[in-house]
Amino acid sequence: MCGRISHFRSEEKYLKWLKSQVPVAGPVDDRPSERYNVAPQTHVSVLHQDEDGLRFSPMRWGYAPLWAGDKPPSINARLETAARSRYWRDIWAVGRCLVPADGWFEWVSDAHQPRSRQPYFIHLADNQPMFFAAIGRFERGLSAPSPETTGFAIVTADSEGGMLDIHDRRPVVLAPAVARRWLDPGLDAAAAEDLARTHATPAESFRWHSVDAAVGNVRNDGPQLIEPRPLAPRTLDLFDS
């Protein structure tokens, strides 16, 4: 799962990295967001494509269909089932969007100390921005987003390679050329599923390192949360072999 992300560059820089030829319809902020510890149920700047062009919208991280009643919003959508699931299929077809990001966090349990969980920060090996495939419900055009009805979820897939040691799920990260295709309203649901399955950024493109446990508190923020922090030495149990 993906339950905490880092999103600290400006909209302008993410858009420049996307290298899209589609016109930009809405305003683009050139100020760094400086959000290093973004949690679910908060608002995130999400990029989507309307009839008049690309647009950034502040959207709540968490989605539930209008018919779901009081069911808690979901923050992740499984790639393996989302395109056909009753819960997701409508927004899979018409609500594809991108979450620009700089990395994400996962927590690893210590087999010797079950109550202890070490956070790791995961990022691209070249430290470039990334785009999470996402699906959501959002207002189109110039309409002001409604906090009560908008929301998004990040698409996730099975992990592979060494990333399995960190978590068995990971967000679907798309390189700029693939991200541009994901946004294309003319791409049908089946083709979008195939795109995410076969063209997601592979695990070997990522690096990760342990970080301070302070990231576990959503009130904490700042660049220090993504800086490498050596793992604390483990005190061996007398019965360790």
C-alpha atoms as a PDB file:
ATOM      1  CA  MET A   1       0.000   0.000   0.000  1.00  0.00           C
ATOM      2  CA  CYS A   2       1.004   3.612  -0.305  1.00  0.00           C
ATOM      3  CA  GLY A   3      -0.035   5.574   2.768  1.00  0.00           C
ATOM      4  CA  ARG A   4       2.371   8.508   2.992  1.00  0.00           C
ATOM      5  CA  ILE A   5       4.056  10.488   0.227  1.00  0.00           C
ATOM      6  CA  SER A   6       6.510  13.325  -0.272  1.00  0.00           C
ATOM      7  CA  HIS A   7       5.549  16.148  -2.639  1.00  0.00           C
ATOM      8  CA  PHE A   8       7.861  19.123  -2.222  1.00  0.00           C
ATOM      9  CA  ARG A   9       8.568  20.606  -5.660  1.00  0.00           C
ATOM     10  CA  SER A  10       6.421  23.219  -7.404  1.00  0.00           C
ATOM     11  CA  GLU A  11       3.590  22.501  -9.828  1.00  0.00           C
ATOM     12  CA  GLU A  12       5.657  24.309 -12.445  1.00  0.00           C
ATOM     13  CA  LYS A  13       8.568  21.875 -12.069  1.00  0.00           C
ATOM     14  CA  TYR A  14       6.353  18.793 -12.183  1.00  0.00           C
ATOM     15  CA  LEU A  15       4.657  20.108 -15.302  1.00  0.00           C
ATOM     16  CA  LYS A  16       8.001  20.856 -16.932  1.00  0.00           C
ATOM     17  CA  TRP A  17       9.143  17.296 -16.196  1.00  0.00           C
ATOM     18  CA  LEU A  18       5.965  15.888 -17.771  1.00  0.00           C
ATOM     19  CA  LYS A  19       6.923  17.538 -21.107  1.00  0.00           C
ATOM     20  CA  SER A  20       3.331  17.544 -22.324  1.00  0.00           C
ATOM     21  CA  GLN A  21       2.280  19.308 -25.527  1.00  0.00           C
ATOM     22  CA  VAL A  22      -1.299  19.641 -24.247  1.00  0.00           C
ATOM     23  CA  PRO A  23      -2.222  23.271 -23.412  1.00  0.00           C
ATOM     24  CA  VAL A  24      -2.372  24.229 -19.764  1.00  0.00           C
ATOM     25  CA  ALA A  25      -5.863  25.464 -18.932  1.00  0.00           C
ATOM     26  CA  GLY A  26      -5.532  26.461 -15.308  1.00  0.00           C
ATOM     27  CA  PRO A  27      -3.058  28.319 -13.100  1.00  0.00           C
ATOM     28  CA  VAL A  28       0.284  26.717 -12.266  1.00  0.00           C
ATOM     29  CA  ASP A  29       2.029  27.548  -8.989  1.00  0.00           C
ATOM     30  CA  ASP A  30       5.785  28.210  -9.248  1.00  0.00           C
ATOM     31  CA  ARG A  31       6.318  28.007  -5.479  1.00  0.00           C
ATOM     32  CA  PRO A  32       7.654  24.750  -3.993  1.00  0.00           C
ATOM     33  CA  SER A  33       4.968  23.060  -1.946  1.00  0.00           C
ATOM     34  CA  GLU A  34       7.585  21.920   0.606  1.00  0.00           C
ATOM     35  CA  ARG A  35       5.361  19.082   1.784  1.00  0.00           C
ATOM     36  CA  TYR A  36       7.590  16.215   2.848  1.00  0.00           C
ATOM     37  CA  ASN A  37       5.067  14.222   4.847  1.00  0.00           C
ATOM     38  CA  VAL A  38       1.709  14.105   3.053  1.00  0.00           C
ATOM     39  CA  ALA A  39      -0.923  11.935   4.711  1.00  0.00           C
ATOM     40  CA  PRO A  40      -4.243  10.491   3.497  1.00  0.00           C
ATOM     41  CA  GLN A  41      -7.374  12.637   3.843  1.00  0.00           C
ATOM     42  CA  THR A  42      -5.354  15.793   3.224  1.00  0.00           C
ATOM     43  CA  HIS A  43      -5.536  17.751  -0.039  1.00  0.00           C
ATOM     44  CA  VAL A  44      -2.906  17.182  -2.699  1.00  0.00           C
ATOM     45  CA  SER A  45      -2.262  19.004  -5.990  1.00  0.00           C
ATOM     46  CA  VAL A  46      -3.395  16.485  -8.626  1.00  0.00           C
ATOM     47  CA  LEU A  47      -2.991  16.852 -12.393  1.00  0.00           C
ATOM     48  CA  HIS A  48      -5.804  15.885 -14.787  1.00  0.00           C
ATOM     49  CA  GLN A  49      -6.726  16.584 -18.384  1.00  0.00           C
ATOM     50  CA  ASP A  50      -9.962  18.394 -19.261  1.00  0.00           C
ATOM     51  CA  GLU A  51     -11.362  19.229 -22.668  1.00  0.00           C
ATOM     52  CA  ASP A  52      -9.564  22.570 -22.578  1.00  0.00           C
ATOM     53  CA  GLY A  53      -6.232  21.218 -21.382  1.00  0.00           C
ATOM     54  CA  LEU A  54      -4.214  20.212 -18.337  1.00  0.00           C
ATOM     55  CA  ARG A  55      -5.240  21.438 -14.928  1.00  0.00           C
ATOM     56  CA  PHE A  56      -3.983  21.134 -11.354  1.00  0.00           C
ATOM     57  CA  SER A  57      -6.698  20.696  -8.731  1.00  0.00           C
ATOM     58  CA  PRO A  58      -6.440  20.349  -4.949  1.00  0.00           C
ATOM     59  CA  MET A  59      -8.049  16.990  -4.233  1.00  0.00           C
ATOM     60  CA  ARG A  60      -8.564  14.999  -1.066  1.00  0.00           C
ATOM     61  CA  TRP A  61      -6.507  11.821  -0.855  1.00  0.00           C
ATOM     62  CA  GLY A  62      -9.280   9.292  -0.379  1.00  0.00           C
ATOM     63  CA  TYR A  63     -12.161   8.184  -2.582  1.00  0.00           C
ATOM     64  CA  ALA A  64     -15.520   6.482  -2.075  1.00  0.00           C
ATOM     65  CA  PRO A  65     -18.380   6.170  -4.602  1.00  0.00           C
ATOM     66  CA  LEU A  66     -21.367   8.355  -3.841  1.00  0.00           C
ATOM     67  CA  TRP A  67     -23.410   5.202  -3.208  1.00  0.00           C
ATOM     68  CA  ALA A  68     -20.971   3.937  -0.557  1.00  0.00           C
ATOM     69  CA  GLY A  69     -22.678   5.863   2.247  1.00  0.00           C
ATOM     70  CA  ASP A  70     -20.578   6.062   5.390  1.00  0.00           C
ATOM     71  CA  LYS A  71     -17.917   3.655   4.123  1.00  0.00           C
ATOM     72  CA  PRO A  72     -14.450   5.133   4.800  1.00  0.00           C
ATOM     73  CA  PRO A  73     -12.702   6.453   1.676  1.00  0.00           C
ATOM     74  CA  SER A  74     -10.055   4.210   0.094  1.00  0.00           C
ATOM     75  CA  ILE A  75      -6.604   5.672  -0.472  1.00  0.00           C
ATOM     76  CA  ASN A  76      -5.314   2.964  -2.836  1.00  0.00           C
ATOM     77  CA  ALA A  77      -6.852   1.103  -5.781  1.00  0.00           C
ATOM     78  CA  ARG A  78      -5.455  -2.294  -6.773  1.00  0.00           C
ATOM     79  CA  LEU A  79      -4.374  -2.405 -10.404  1.00  0.00           C
ATOM     80  CA  GLU A  80      -5.329  -6.061 -10.630  1.00  0.00           C
ATOM     81  CA  THR A  81      -9.042  -5.405 -10.058  1.00  0.00           C
ATOM     82  CA  ALA A  82      -9.812  -1.673 -10.341  1.00  0.00           C
ATOM     83  CA  ALA A  83     -10.762  -1.549 -14.025  1.00  0.00           C
ATOM     84  CA  ARG A  84     -13.571  -4.083 -13.491  1.00  0.00           C
ATOM     85  CA  SER A  85     -14.544  -3.509  -9.872  1.00  0.00           C
ATOM     86  CA  ARG A  86     -17.927  -1.874  -9.262  1.00  0.00           C
ATOM     87  CA  TYR A  87     -16.221   0.352  -6.712  1.00  0.00           C
ATOM     88  CA  TRP A  88     -13.652   1.777  -9.147  1.00  0.00           C
ATOM     89  CA  ARG A  89     -14.633   1.120 -12.756  1.00  0.00           C
ATOM     90  CA  ASP A  90     -16.489   4.384 -13.404  1.00  0.00           C
ATOM     91  CA  ILE A  91     -13.606   6.626 -12.379  1.00  0.00           C
ATOM     92  CA  TRP A  92     -11.098   4.244 -13.980  1.00  0.00           C
ATOM     93  CA  ALA A  93     -12.723   5.073 -17.298  1.00  0.00           C
ATOM     94  CA  VAL A  94     -13.172   8.828 -16.882  1.00  0.00           C
ATOM     95  CA  GLY A  95     -11.225   9.915 -13.804  1.00  0.00           C
ATOM     96  CA  ARG A  96      -7.612   9.052 -14.521  1.00  0.00           C
ATOM     97  CA  CYS A  97      -5.193  11.589 -13.087  1.00  0.00           C
ATOM     98  CA  LEU A  98      -1.612  11.942 -11.864  1.00  0.00           C
ATOM     99  CA  VAL A  99      -0.205  12.623  -8.422  1.00  0.00           C
ATOM    100  CA  PRO A 100       3.154  14.352  -8.910  1.00  0.00           C
ATOM    101  CA  ALA A 101       5.506  13.263  -6.142  1.00  0.00           C
ATOM    102  CA  ASP A 102       9.113  12.961  -5.073  1.00  0.00           C
ATOM    103  CA  GLY A 103       8.868   9.700  -3.173  1.00  0.00           C
ATOM    104  CA  TRP A 104       6.879   7.711  -0.665  1.00  0.00           C
ATOM    105  CA  PHE A 105       7.312   6.059   2.715  1.00  0.00           C
ATOM    106  CA  GLU A 106       6.881   2.490   3.889  1.00  0.00           C
ATOM    107  CA  TRP A 107       7.303   0.988   7.343  1.00  0.00           C
ATOM    108  CA  VAL A 108       9.079  -2.328   7.958  1.00  0.00           C
ATOM    109  CA  SER A 109       8.459  -4.385  11.084  1.00  0.00           C
ATOM    110  CA  ASP A 110      11.411  -5.747  13.013  1.00  0.00           C
ATOM    111  CA  ALA A 111      11.069  -9.509  13.364  1.00  0.00           C
ATOM    112  CA  HIS A 112      12.984  -9.347  16.658  1.00  0.00           C
ATOM    113  CA  GLN A 113      10.992  -6.382  17.992  1.00  0.00           C
ATOM    114  CA  PRO A 114       7.425  -6.693  16.636  1.00  0.00           C
ATOM    115  CA  ARG A 115       6.344  -3.383  18.142  1.00  0.00           C
ATOM    116  CA  SER A 116       9.117  -1.520  16.362  1.00  0.00           C
ATOM    117  CA  ARG A 117       8.598  -0.351  12.757  1.00  0.00           C
ATOM    118  CA  GLN A 118      11.331   1.346  10.770  1.00  0.00           C
ATOM    119  CA  PRO A 119      10.273   3.894   8.117  1.00  0.00           C
ATOM    120  CA  TYR A 120      11.981   3.977   4.721  1.00  0.00           C
ATOM    121  CA  PHE A 121      11.894   6.663   2.056  1.00  0.00           C
ATOM    122  CA  ILE A 122      11.640   5.366  -1.516  1.00  0.00           C
ATOM    123  CA  HIS A 123      12.613   7.515  -4.491  1.00  0.00           C
ATOM    124  CA  LEU A 124      13.885   7.255  -8.052  1.00  0.00           C
ATOM    125  CA  ALA A 125      17.580   6.432  -8.332  1.00  0.00           C
ATOM    126  CA  ASP A 126      18.194   9.687 -10.230  1.00  0.00           C
ATOM    127  CA  ASN A 127      16.117  11.699  -7.716  1.00  0.00           C
ATOM    128  CA  GLN A 128      13.844  13.010 -10.470  1.00  0.00           C
ATOM    129  CA  PRO A 129      10.133  13.714  -9.883  1.00  0.00           C
ATOM    130  CA  MET A 130       7.699  10.871 -10.401  1.00  0.00           C
ATOM    131  CA  PHE A 131       4.066  10.553 -11.352  1.00  0.00           C
ATOM    132  CA  PHE A 132       1.751   8.165  -9.491  1.00  0.00           C
ATOM    133  CA  ALA A 133      -1.078   6.738 -11.569  1.00  0.00           C
ATOM    134  CA  ALA A 134      -4.273   7.751  -9.796  1.00  0.00           C
ATOM    135  CA  ILE A 135      -8.025   7.728 -10.320  1.00  0.00           C
ATOM    136  CA  GLY A 136     -10.542  10.095  -8.834  1.00  0.00           C
ATOM    137  CA  ARG A 137     -13.670  12.174  -9.037  1.00  0.00           C
ATOM    138  CA  PHE A 138     -13.066  15.864  -9.612  1.00  0.00           C
ATOM    139  CA  GLU A 139     -14.734  18.956 -10.990  1.00  0.00           C
ATOM    140  CA  ARG A 140     -14.058  19.757 -14.638  1.00  0.00           C
ATOM    141  CA  GLY A 141     -13.140  23.044 -16.241  1.00  0.00           C
ATOM    142  CA  LEU A 142     -13.423  26.183 -14.160  1.00  0.00           C
ATOM    143  CA  SER A 143     -15.850  24.716 -11.631  1.00  0.00           C
ATOM    144  CA  ALA A 144     -14.565  25.001  -8.094  1.00  0.00           C
ATOM    145  CA  PRO A 145     -13.818  21.585  -6.540  1.00  0.00           C
ATOM    146  CA  SER A 146     -16.324  20.445  -3.953  1.00  0.00           C
ATOM    147  CA  PRO A 147     -14.613  18.902  -0.903  1.00  0.00           C
ATOM    148  CA  GLU A 148     -17.682  16.753  -0.273  1.00  0.00           C
ATOM    149  CA  THR A 149     -17.611  14.958  -3.624  1.00  0.00           C
ATOM    150  CA  THR A 150     -14.038  15.039  -4.888  1.00  0.00           C
ATOM    151  CA  GLY A 151     -11.276  12.623  -4.012  1.00  0.00           C
ATOM    152  CA  PHE A 152      -8.639  10.322  -5.477  1.00  0.00           C
ATOM    153  CA  ALA A 153      -6.821   7.066  -4.844  1.00  0.00           C
ATOM    154  CA  ILE A 154      -3.332   6.002  -5.906  1.00  0.00           C
ATOM    155  CA  VAL A 155      -3.153   2.894  -8.084  1.00  0.00           C
ATOM    156  CA  THR A 156      -0.935   0.157  -6.606  1.00  0.00           C
ATOM    157  CA  ALA A 157       0.548  -3.096  -7.880  1.00  0.00           C
ATOM    158  CA  ASP A 158       2.541  -6.028  -6.519  1.00  0.00           C
ATOM    159  CA  SER A 159       6.123  -5.240  -5.607  1.00  0.00           C
ATOM    160  CA  GLU A 160       9.008  -7.088  -7.163  1.00  0.00           C
ATOM    161  CA  GLY A 161      12.729  -7.633  -6.657  1.00  0.00           C
ATOM    162  CA  GLY A 162      14.379  -6.143  -3.601  1.00  0.00           C
ATOM    163  CA  MET A 163      11.435  -3.835  -3.001  1.00  0.00           C
ATOM    164  CA  LEU A 164       9.567  -6.846  -1.603  1.00  0.00           C
ATOM    165  CA  ASP A 165      11.750  -6.501   1.498  1.00  0.00           C
ATOM    166  CA  ILE A 166      10.132  -3.111   2.104  1.00  0.00           C
ATOM    167  CA  HIS A 167       6.492  -3.842   1.221  1.00  0.00           C
ATOM    168  CA  ASP A 168       4.512  -6.254  -0.939  1.00  0.00           C
ATOM    169  CA  ARG A 169       2.645  -3.406  -2.686  1.00  0.00           C
ATOM    170  CA  ARG A 170       3.904  -0.263  -4.388  1.00  0.00           C
ATOM    171  CA  PRO A 171       2.374   2.690  -6.208  1.00  0.00           C
ATOM    172  CA  VAL A 172       2.273   2.478  -9.997  1.00  0.00           C
ATOM    173  CA  VAL A 173       4.869   5.060 -11.025  1.00  0.00           C
ATOM    174  CA  LEU A 174       4.766   6.307 -14.610  1.00  0.00           C
ATOM    175  CA  ALA A 175       7.623   7.869 -16.570  1.00  0.00           C
ATOM    176  CA  PRO A 176       6.677  11.156 -18.291  1.00  0.00           C
ATOM    177  CA  ALA A 177       5.889   9.622 -21.701  1.00  0.00           C
ATOM    178  CA  VAL A 178       3.688   6.952 -20.108  1.00  0.00           C
ATOM    179  CA  ALA A 179       2.083   9.483 -17.755  1.00  0.00           C
ATOM    180  CA  ARG A 180       1.037  11.603 -20.720  1.00  0.00           C
ATOM    181  CA  ARG A 181      -0.728   8.623 -22.268  1.00  0.00           C
ATOM    182  CA  TRP A 182      -2.430   7.791 -18.953  1.00  0.00           C
ATOM    183  CA  LEU A 183      -4.026  11.239 -18.913  1.00  0.00           C
ATOM    184  CA  ASP A 184      -5.324  10.996 -22.484  1.00  0.00           C
ATOM    185  CA  PRO A 185      -9.172  10.956 -22.325  1.00  0.00           C
ATOM    186  CA  GLY A 186      -9.175   9.002 -25.607  1.00  0.00           C
ATOM    187  CA  LEU A 187      -7.436   6.022 -23.987  1.00  0.00           C
ATOM    188  CA  ASP A 188     -10.091   3.423 -23.159  1.00  0.00           C
ATOM    189  CA  ALA A 189     -10.245   1.568 -19.848  1.00  0.00           C
ATOM    190  CA  ALA A 190      -8.706  -1.680 -21.129  1.00  0.00           C
ATOM    191  CA  ALA A 191      -5.813   0.121 -22.798  1.00  0.00           C
ATOM    192  CA  ALA A 192      -5.203   2.150 -19.624  1.00  0.00           C
ATOM    193  CA  GLU A 193      -5.031  -1.060 -17.584  1.00  0.00           C
ATOM    194  CA  ASP A 194      -2.546  -2.585 -20.029  1.00  0.00           C
ATOM    195  CA  LEU A 195      -0.485   0.598 -19.962  1.00  0.00           C
ATOM    196  CA  ALA A 196      -0.210   0.541 -16.165  1.00  0.00           C
ATOM    197  CA  ARG A 197       0.581  -3.184 -16.117  1.00  0.00           C
ATOM    198  CA  THR A 198       3.251  -3.212 -18.797  1.00  0.00           C
ATOM    199  CA  HIS A 199       4.832   0.237 -18.729  1.00  0.00           C
ATOM    200  CA  ALA A 200       5.091   1.111 -15.029  1.00  0.00           C
ATOM    201  CA  THR A 201       8.548   2.092 -13.813  1.00  0.00           C
ATOM    202  CA  PRO A 202      10.326  -1.142 -12.700  1.00  0.00           C
ATOM    203  CA  ALA A 203      11.534  -1.758  -9.163  1.00  0.00           C
ATOM    204  CA  GLU A 204      15.212  -1.552 -10.128  1.00  0.00           C
ATOM    205  CA  SER A 205      14.736   2.136 -10.930  1.00  0.00           C
ATOM    206  CA  PHE A 206      14.165   2.951  -7.250  1.00  0.00           C
ATOM    207  CA  ARG A 207      16.367   3.340  -4.213  1.00  0.00           C
ATOM    208  CA  TRP A 208      15.397   3.475  -0.546  1.00  0.00           C
ATOM    209  CA  HIS A 209      16.931   4.327   2.782  1.00  0.00           C
ATOM    210  CA  SER A 210      15.902   4.365   6.418  1.00  0.00           C
ATOM    211  CA  VAL A 211      14.679   7.665   7.843  1.00  0.00           C
ATOM    212  CA  ASP A 212      13.802   9.127  11.207  1.00  0.00           C
ATOM    213  CA  ALA A 213      10.751   7.706  12.971  1.00  0.00           C
ATOM    214  CA  ALA A 214       9.459  11.280  13.309  1.00  0.00           C
ATOM    215  CA  VAL A 215       7.817  10.861   9.901  1.00  0.00           C
ATOM    216  CA  GLY A 216       5.246   8.663  11.610  1.00  0.00           C
ATOM    217  CA  ASN A 217       3.658  11.760  13.149  1.00  0.00           C
ATOM    218  CA  VAL A 218       1.640  13.605  10.488  1.00  0.00           C
ATOM    219  CA  ARG A 219       2.257  16.905  12.287  1.00  0.00           C
ATOM    220  CA  ASN A 220       5.970  16.675  11.498  1.00  0.00           C
ATOM    221  CA  ASP A 221       7.260  18.059   8.219  1.00  0.00           C
ATOM    222  CA  GLY A 222      10.457  19.289   6.619  1.00  0.00           C
ATOM    223  CA  PRO A 223      13.374  18.026   4.511  1.00  0.00           C
ATOM    224  CA  GLN A 224      14.958  16.302   7.500  1.00  0.00           C
ATOM    225  CA  LEU A 225      12.255  13.631   7.239  1.00  0.00           C
ATOM    226  CA  ILE A 226      13.659  12.248   3.992  1.00  0.00           C
ATOM    227  CA  GLU A 227      17.337  12.377   4.954  1.00  0.00           C
ATOM    228  CA  PRO A 228      19.071   9.008   5.460  1.00  0.00           C
ATOM    229  CA  ARG A 229      19.299   7.882   9.041  1.00  0.00           C
ATOM    230  CA  PRO A 230      21.430   4.860   9.989  1.00  0.00           C
ATOM    231  CA  LEU A 231      19.568   1.965  11.481  1.00  0.00           C
ATOM    232  CA  ALA A 232      19.942   1.718  15.238  1.00  0.00           C
ATOM    233  CA  PRO A 233      22.041  -1.297  16.296  1.00  0.00           C
ATOM    234  CA  ARG A 234      19.887  -4.151  17.537  1.00  0.00           C
ATOM    235  CA  THR A 235      20.579  -5.616  20.939  1.00  0.00           C
ATOM    236  CA  LEU A 236      20.993  -9.358  20.411  1.00  0.00           C
ATOM    237  CA  ASP A 237      18.821 -11.671  22.438  1.00  0.00           C
ATOM    238  CA  LEU A 238      20.721 -14.341  24.361  1.00  0.00           C
ATOM    239  CA  PHE A 239      18.887 -16.985  22.374  1.00  0.00           C
ATOM    240  CA  ASP A 240      19.625 -15.509  18.932  1.00  0.00           C
ATOM    241  CA  SER A 241      21.421 -17.969  16.722  1.00  0.00           C
END
